[in-house]
Each structure stands twice: as structure tokens, then as C-alpha cells.
């Protein structure tokens, strides 16, 4: 009976397709139901509020591009917020 290498057990990589990409956005206005969110996730937090869904290209689930990733981009709260987030546990009321 062959032994399974424990180092390989946790290495699952999905196929590089739009439906498995971390940047994909579900969209009710897209005919395919998906839009590419690469520009959305790479813009500042404040600018995301002003971008309409129609500005992001529609994609098919089976498409893929060079920007595909299965790891979401981490957000740095110090970089783009410009204000301190309210923390209810730290309020002085």
C-alpha cells in the first residue's frame, strides 16, 4: 500500500479560471453573472465606493487571464482608509 506524503495533502490548486479567481465579482447586471474585479481590488478603499459595477468587464466562468489568483489580496487598513475605524469596544461614552 503506497504511503501518502503529508506535505502534499494540503496543496490543492484550483484550475486558473474566472470562477475560481479571488478577484471575481458576482453581478446581477452581467449576462454571465460574473465580472472581473481585478481593478476593484487594486484600487483604494475609498475609490471602491465610487466605482459602478458596469465599469468592470463581464467574464465567463471558463475564462482566465494573467491576473488570476486563488489568494485574496490582503487589505492594509493603514494605507487607504484615511480615517480611524470606529471600534465599539474602545468607545469612551
Protein backbone atom coordinates (compact mmCIF):
# COMPACT_ATOMS: atom_id res chain seq x y z
CA UNK A 1 0.00 0.00 0.00
CA UNK A 2 1.57 3.33 -1.03
CA UNK A 3 2.06 5.97 1.64
CA UNK A 4 0.70 9.47 1.11
CA UNK A 5 3.16 12.27 1.69
CA UNK A 6 1.61 14.52 4.36
CA UNK A 7 3.22 17.60 2.78
CA UNK A 8 1.15 17.09 -0.37
CA UNK A 9 -2.20 16.63 1.35
CA UNK A 10 -2.94 20.35 1.78
CA UNK A 11 -1.79 21.52 -1.64
CA UNK A 12 -4.92 21.87 -3.73
CA UNK A 13 -4.76 24.43 -6.50
CA UNK A 14 -7.97 25.14 -8.40
CA UNK A 15 -7.91 25.50 -12.15
CA UNK A 16 -6.98 29.03 -13.29
CA UNK A 17 -10.46 30.05 -14.41
CA UNK A 18 -12.51 33.15 -13.65
CA UNK A 19 -14.98 31.24 -11.50
CA UNK A 20 -12.15 30.18 -9.15
CA UNK A 21 -10.34 33.54 -9.10
CA UNK A 22 -10.22 35.64 -5.94
CA UNK A 23 -10.90 38.78 -7.97
CA UNK A 24 -14.20 37.63 -9.49
CA UNK A 25 -17.30 39.64 -8.56
CA UNK A 26 -20.83 38.23 -8.74
CA UNK A 27 -23.03 40.59 -10.74
CA UNK A 28 -26.76 40.60 -11.40
CA UNK A 29 -26.29 43.03 -14.30
CA UNK A 30 -23.79 40.85 -16.18
CA UNK A 31 -25.18 38.37 -18.69
CA UNK A 32 -22.73 35.76 -17.39
CA UNK A 33 -23.32 36.63 -13.73
CA UNK A 34 -19.63 37.44 -13.20
CA UNK A 35 -17.38 40.47 -13.58
CA UNK A 36 -13.63 40.83 -13.24
CA UNK A 37 -12.80 42.63 -10.01
CA UNK A 38 -9.04 42.95 -10.54
CA UNK A 39 -9.21 46.76 -10.85
CA UNK A 40 -11.71 46.93 -7.98
CA UNK A 41 -9.49 45.08 -5.53
CA UNK A 42 -6.39 47.01 -6.63
CA UNK A 43 -7.99 50.42 -6.13
CA UNK A 44 -8.08 52.28 -2.84
CA UNK A 45 -10.83 51.57 -0.34
CA UNK A 46 -12.40 55.00 -0.84
CA UNK A 47 -12.39 54.75 -4.66
CA UNK A 48 -14.24 51.43 -4.48
CA UNK A 49 -17.30 53.26 -3.22
CA UNK A 50 -17.50 55.36 -6.39
CA UNK A 51 -16.97 52.63 -8.98
CA UNK A 52 -20.10 51.31 -10.68
CA UNK A 53 -20.38 47.61 -11.43
CA UNK A 54 -20.77 48.40 -15.15
CA UNK A 55 -17.13 49.59 -15.24
CA UNK A 56 -15.84 46.08 -14.66
CA UNK A 57 -15.73 43.71 -17.64
CA UNK A 58 -18.05 40.73 -17.84
CA UNK A 59 -16.26 37.40 -17.78
CA UNK A 60 -17.27 33.81 -18.41
CA UNK A 61 -16.65 31.20 -15.72
CA UNK A 62 -14.31 29.27 -18.02
CA UNK A 63 -12.14 32.29 -18.98
CA UNK A 64 -8.78 33.05 -17.39
CA UNK A 65 -6.13 35.75 -17.59
CA UNK A 66 -2.65 36.56 -16.30
CA UNK A 67 -4.09 38.24 -13.19
CA UNK A 68 -5.72 35.06 -11.91
CA UNK A 69 -5.03 34.18 -8.29
CA UNK A 70 -6.61 31.96 -5.68
CA UNK A 71 -5.21 34.07 -2.85
CA UNK A 72 -7.18 37.21 -1.99
CA UNK A 73 -5.25 40.45 -1.72
CA UNK A 74 -4.81 41.41 1.90
CA UNK A 75 -6.06 44.84 2.89
CA UNK A 76 -3.78 47.15 4.81
CA UNK A 77 -6.06 49.30 6.98
CA UNK A 78 -3.37 51.97 7.34
CA UNK A 79 -2.83 52.53 3.63
CA UNK A 80 -6.05 53.72 2.04
CA UNK A 81 -8.62 54.49 4.70
CA UNK A 82 -7.58 57.99 5.73
CA UNK A 83 -9.72 57.76 8.87
CA UNK A 84 -9.85 55.69 12.03
CA UNK A 85 -12.47 52.97 12.04
CA UNK A 86 -14.97 53.05 14.91
CA UNK A 87 -14.35 50.35 17.50
CA UNK A 88 -17.37 49.82 19.81
CA UNK A 89 -15.20 48.06 22.40
CA UNK A 90 -12.94 51.10 22.66
CA UNK A 91 -15.58 53.84 22.90
CA UNK A 92 -15.30 56.39 25.72
CA UNK A 93 -19.00 57.14 26.10
